[in-house]
Amino acid sequence: MYTDNELVIRPIKERDLTKLWELIYKDDAPEWKRWDAPYFPHKSKPYDEFM
């Protein structure tokens, strides 16, 4: 784990998984994909498949 003032970088915990799914796989066209490299395709994924 790394801590510096207000920043903490830590391993993923089970309680993080729902939020990660929402950010990454919930939508077919998430906002972050507009700024991602276009040569990597993105597909949404049901929560149970993600888990």
PDB file of N, CA and C in Angstrom:
ATOM      1  N   MET A   1       0.848  -1.179   0.000  1.00  0.00           N
ATOM      2  CA  MET A   1       0.000   0.000   0.000  1.00  0.00           C
ATOM      3  C   MET A   1       0.891   1.237   0.000  1.00  0.00           C
ATOM      4  N   TYR A   2       0.396   2.297  -0.667  1.00  0.00           N
ATOM      5  CA  TYR A   2       1.118   3.560  -0.735  1.00  0.00           C
ATOM      6  C   TYR A   2       0.206   4.673  -0.232  1.00  0.00           C
ATOM      7  N   THR A   3       0.716   5.522   0.639  1.00  0.00           N
ATOM      8  CA  THR A   3      -0.040   6.653   1.160  1.00  0.00           C
ATOM      9  C   THR A   3       0.800   7.912   1.050  1.00  0.00           C
ATOM     10  N   ASP A   4       0.164   8.993   0.564  1.00  0.00           N
ATOM     11  CA  ASP A   4       0.849  10.276   0.431  1.00  0.00           C
ATOM     12  C   ASP A   4      -0.193  11.382   0.570  1.00  0.00           C
ATOM     13  N   ASN A   5      -0.198  12.051   1.687  1.00  0.00           N
ATOM     14  CA  ASN A   5      -1.195  13.085   1.988  1.00  0.00           C
ATOM     15  C   ASN A   5      -2.600  12.500   1.855  1.00  0.00           C
ATOM     16  N   GLU A   6      -3.365  12.901   0.835  1.00  0.00           N
ATOM     17  CA  GLU A   6      -4.737  12.421   0.682  1.00  0.00           C
ATOM     18  C   GLU A   6      -4.861  11.242  -0.274  1.00  0.00           C
ATOM     19  N   LEU A   7      -3.781  10.822  -0.887  1.00  0.00           N
ATOM     20  CA  LEU A   7      -3.798   9.730  -1.851  1.00  0.00           C
ATOM     21  C   LEU A   7      -3.436   8.408  -1.180  1.00  0.00           C
ATOM     22  N   VAL A   8      -4.262   7.389  -1.444  1.00  0.00           N
ATOM     23  CA  VAL A   8      -3.970   6.042  -0.950  1.00  0.00           C
ATOM     24  C   VAL A   8      -4.130   5.083  -2.119  1.00  0.00           C
ATOM     25  N   ILE A   9      -3.087   4.321  -2.421  1.00  0.00           N
ATOM     26  CA  ILE A   9      -3.146   3.279  -3.440  1.00  0.00           C
ATOM     27  C   ILE A   9      -3.049   1.954  -2.700  1.00  0.00           C
ATOM     28  N   ARG A  10      -4.068   1.124  -2.876  1.00  0.00           N
ATOM     29  CA  ARG A  10      -4.136  -0.131  -2.139  1.00  0.00           C
ATOM     30  C   ARG A  10      -4.668  -1.230  -3.047  1.00  0.00           C
ATOM     31  N   PRO A  11      -4.514  -2.466  -2.642  1.00  0.00           N
ATOM     32  CA  PRO A  11      -5.087  -3.569  -3.421  1.00  0.00           C
ATOM     33  C   PRO A  11      -6.615  -3.469  -3.454  1.00  0.00           C
ATOM     34  N   ILE A  12      -7.209  -4.027  -4.471  1.00  0.00           N
ATOM     35  CA  ILE A  12      -8.670  -4.057  -4.591  1.00  0.00           C
ATOM     36  C   ILE A  12      -9.243  -4.933  -3.493  1.00  0.00           C
ATOM     37  N   LYS A  13     -10.349  -4.459  -2.922  1.00  0.00           N
ATOM     38  CA  LYS A  13     -11.057  -5.221  -1.892  1.00  0.00           C
ATOM     39  C   LYS A  13     -12.415  -5.639  -2.443  1.00  0.00           C
ATOM     40  N   GLU A  14     -13.000  -6.638  -1.830  1.00  0.00           N
ATOM     41  CA  GLU A  14     -14.283  -7.150  -2.306  1.00  0.00           C
ATOM     42  C   GLU A  14     -15.352  -6.057  -2.350  1.00  0.00           C
ATOM     43  N   ARG A  15     -15.318  -5.145  -1.404  1.00  0.00           N
ATOM     44  CA  ARG A  15     -16.318  -4.068  -1.378  1.00  0.00           C
ATOM     45  C   ARG A  15     -16.174  -3.109  -2.564  1.00  0.00           C
ATOM     46  N   ASP A  16     -15.054  -3.144  -3.279  1.00  0.00           N
ATOM     47  CA  ASP A  16     -14.818  -2.285  -4.439  1.00  0.00           C
ATOM     48  C   ASP A  16     -15.419  -2.839  -5.723  1.00  0.00           C
ATOM     49  N   LEU A  17     -15.750  -4.121  -5.750  1.00  0.00           N
ATOM     50  CA  LEU A  17     -16.112  -4.783  -7.000  1.00  0.00           C
ATOM     51  C   LEU A  17     -17.370  -4.214  -7.663  1.00  0.00           C
ATOM     52  N   THR A  18     -18.388  -3.894  -6.897  1.00  0.00           N
ATOM     53  CA  THR A  18     -19.611  -3.343  -7.486  1.00  0.00           C
ATOM     54  C   THR A  18     -19.318  -2.016  -8.185  1.00  0.00           C
ATOM     55  N   LYS A  19     -18.590  -1.143  -7.545  1.00  0.00           N
ATOM     56  CA  LYS A  19     -18.261   0.156  -8.141  1.00  0.00           C
ATOM     57  C   LYS A  19     -17.377  -0.010  -9.374  1.00  0.00           C
ATOM     58  N   LEU A  20     -16.423  -0.923  -9.332  1.00  0.00           N
ATOM     59  CA  LEU A  20     -15.581  -1.168 -10.504  1.00  0.00           C
ATOM     60  C   LEU A  20     -16.409  -1.658 -11.678  1.00  0.00           C
ATOM     61  N   TRP A  21     -17.353  -2.564 -11.424  1.00  0.00           N
ATOM     62  CA  TRP A  21     -18.234  -3.041 -12.493  1.00  0.00           C
ATOM     63  C   TRP A  21     -19.032  -1.878 -13.084  1.00  0.00           C
ATOM     64  N   GLU A  22     -19.577  -1.028 -12.224  1.00  0.00           N
ATOM     65  CA  GLU A  22     -20.350   0.124 -12.710  1.00  0.00           C
ATOM     66  C   GLU A  22     -19.509   1.024 -13.600  1.00  0.00           C
ATOM     67  N   LEU A  23     -18.279   1.274 -13.216  1.00  0.00           N
ATOM     68  CA  LEU A  23     -17.406   2.162 -13.972  1.00  0.00           C
ATOM     69  C   LEU A  23     -16.901   1.546 -15.276  1.00  0.00           C
ATOM     70  N   ILE A  24     -16.664   0.243 -15.278  1.00  0.00           N
ATOM     71  CA  ILE A  24     -16.024  -0.394 -16.425  1.00  0.00           C
ATOM     72  C   ILE A  24     -17.008  -1.078 -17.359  1.00  0.00           C
ATOM     73  N   TYR A  25     -17.911  -1.881 -16.830  1.00  0.00           N
ATOM     74  CA  TYR A  25     -18.705  -2.778 -17.678  1.00  0.00           C
ATOM     75  C   TYR A  25     -20.204  -2.516 -17.730  1.00  0.00           C
ATOM     76  N   LYS A  26     -20.745  -1.669 -16.900  1.00  0.00           N
ATOM     77  CA  LYS A  26     -22.195  -1.480 -16.848  1.00  0.00           C
ATOM     78  C   LYS A  26     -22.753  -0.914 -18.153  1.00  0.00           C
ATOM     79  N   ASP A  27     -22.105   0.072 -18.726  1.00  0.00           N
ATOM     80  CA  ASP A  27     -22.606   0.753 -19.930  1.00  0.00           C
ATOM     81  C   ASP A  27     -21.886   0.288 -21.183  1.00  0.00           C
ATOM     82  N   ASP A  28     -22.617   0.326 -22.311  1.00  0.00           N
ATOM     83  CA  ASP A  28     -21.997   0.003 -23.599  1.00  0.00           C
ATOM     84  C   ASP A  28     -21.009   1.074 -24.043  1.00  0.00           C
ATOM     85  N   ALA A  29     -21.303   2.317 -23.680  1.00  0.00           N
ATOM     86  CA  ALA A  29     -20.435   3.430 -24.082  1.00  0.00           C
ATOM     87  C   ALA A  29     -20.158   4.334 -22.876  1.00  0.00           C
ATOM     88  N   PRO A  30     -19.309   3.895 -21.949  1.00  0.00           N
ATOM     89  CA  PRO A  30     -19.023   4.722 -20.770  1.00  0.00           C
ATOM     90  C   PRO A  30     -18.244   5.991 -21.148  1.00  0.00           C
ATOM     91  N   GLU A  31     -18.344   6.996 -20.318  1.00  0.00           N
ATOM     92  CA  GLU A  31     -17.677   8.277 -20.574  1.00  0.00           C
ATOM     93  C   GLU A  31     -16.174   8.114 -20.776  1.00  0.00           C
ATOM     94  N   TRP A  32     -15.522   7.303 -19.975  1.00  0.00           N
ATOM     95  CA  TRP A  32     -14.067   7.153 -20.064  1.00  0.00           C
ATOM     96  C   TRP A  32     -13.622   6.605 -21.413  1.00  0.00           C
ATOM     97  N   LYS A  33     -14.510   5.882 -22.091  1.00  0.00           N
ATOM     98  CA  LYS A  33     -14.131   5.284 -23.380  1.00  0.00           C
ATOM     99  C   LYS A  33     -13.914   6.359 -24.442  1.00  0.00           C
ATOM    100  N   ARG A  34     -14.495   7.523 -24.269  1.00  0.00           N
ATOM    101  CA  ARG A  34     -14.285   8.633 -25.220  1.00  0.00           C
ATOM    102  C   ARG A  34     -12.825   9.060 -25.235  1.00  0.00           C
ATOM    103  N   TRP A  35     -12.115   8.820 -24.138  1.00  0.00           N
ATOM    104  CA  TRP A  35     -10.732   9.270 -23.998  1.00  0.00           C
ATOM    105  C   TRP A  35      -9.743   8.107 -24.063  1.00  0.00           C
ATOM    106  N   ASP A  36     -10.245   6.906 -24.269  1.00  0.00           N
ATOM    107  CA  ASP A  36      -9.409   5.708 -24.325  1.00  0.00           C
ATOM    108  C   ASP A  36      -8.937   5.474 -25.762  1.00  0.00           C
ATOM    109  N   ALA A  37      -7.918   4.664 -25.915  1.00  0.00           N
ATOM    110  CA  ALA A  37      -7.421   4.329 -27.245  1.00  0.00           C
ATOM    111  C   ALA A  37      -8.524   3.635 -28.046  1.00  0.00           C
ATOM    112  N   PRO A  38      -8.775   4.074 -29.262  1.00  0.00           N
ATOM    113  CA  PRO A  38      -9.890   3.507 -30.047  1.00  0.00           C
ATOM    114  C   PRO A  38      -9.631   2.083 -30.537  1.00  0.00           C
ATOM    115  N   TYR A  39      -8.416   1.621 -30.471  1.00  0.00           N
ATOM    116  CA  TYR A  39      -8.111   0.300 -31.005  1.00  0.00           C
ATOM    117  C   TYR A  39      -8.365  -0.819 -30.005  1.00  0.00           C
ATOM    118  N   PHE A  40      -8.878  -0.500 -28.840  1.00  0.00           N
ATOM    119  CA  PHE A  40      -9.279  -1.516 -27.877  1.00  0.00           C
ATOM    120  C   PHE A  40     -10.804  -1.534 -27.810  1.00  0.00           C
ATOM    121  N   PRO A  41     -11.450  -2.596 -28.294  1.00  0.00           N
ATOM    122  CA  PRO A  41     -12.916  -2.641 -28.249  1.00  0.00           C
ATOM    123  C   PRO A  41     -13.419  -2.767 -26.806  1.00  0.00           C
ATOM    124  N   HIS A  42     -14.609  -2.262 -26.577  1.00  0.00           N
ATOM    125  CA  HIS A  42     -15.222  -2.327 -25.252  1.00  0.00           C
ATOM    126  C   HIS A  42     -16.614  -2.918 -25.383  1.00  0.00           C
ATOM    127  N   LYS A  43     -16.944  -3.836 -24.497  1.00  0.00           N
ATOM    128  CA  LYS A  43     -18.285  -4.424 -24.456  1.00  0.00           C
ATOM    129  C   LYS A  43     -18.759  -4.423 -23.016  1.00  0.00           C
ATOM    130  N   SER A  44     -20.028  -4.107 -22.834  1.00  0.00           N
ATOM    131  CA  SER A  44     -20.573  -4.183 -21.482  1.00  0.00           C
ATOM    132  C   SER A  44     -20.677  -5.651 -21.087  1.00  0.00           C
ATOM    133  N   LYS A  45     -20.798  -5.868 -19.782  1.00  0.00           N
ATOM    134  CA  LYS A  45     -20.810  -7.236 -19.260  1.00  0.00           C
ATOM    135  C   LYS A  45     -21.779  -7.272 -18.079  1.00  0.00           C
ATOM    136  N   PRO A  46     -22.653  -8.265 -18.021  1.00  0.00           N
ATOM    137  CA  PRO A  46     -23.551  -8.379 -16.872  1.00  0.00           C
ATOM    138  C   PRO A  46     -22.756  -8.545 -15.565  1.00  0.00           C
ATOM    139  N   TYR A  47     -23.347  -8.056 -14.492  1.00  0.00           N
ATOM    140  CA  TYR A  47     -22.661  -8.095 -13.195  1.00  0.00           C
ATOM    141  C   TYR A  47     -22.270  -9.516 -12.784  1.00  0.00           C
ATOM    142  N   ASP A  48     -23.170 -10.467 -12.974  1.00  0.00           N
ATOM    143  CA  ASP A  48     -22.864 -11.839 -12.550  1.00  0.00           C
ATOM    144  C   ASP A  48     -21.719 -12.436 -13.369  1.00  0.00           C
ATOM    145  N   GLU A  49     -21.600 -12.060 -14.623  1.00  0.00           N
ATOM    146  CA  GLU A  49     -20.460 -12.527 -15.435  1.00  0.00           C
ATOM    147  C   GLU A  49     -19.167 -11.873 -14.973  1.00  0.00           C
ATOM    148  N   PHE A  50     -19.221 -10.597 -14.616  1.00  0.00           N
ATOM    149  CA  PHE A  50     -18.053  -9.895 -14.080  1.00  0.00           C
ATOM    150  C   PHE A  50     -17.561 -10.546 -12.804  1.00  0.00           C
ATOM    151  N   MET A  51     -18.506 -10.903 -11.936  1.00  0.00           N
ATOM    152  CA  MET A  51     -18.144 -11.523 -10.649  1.00  0.00           C
ATOM    153  C   MET A  51     -17.596 -12.918 -10.868  1.00  0.00           C
TER     154      MET A  51
END
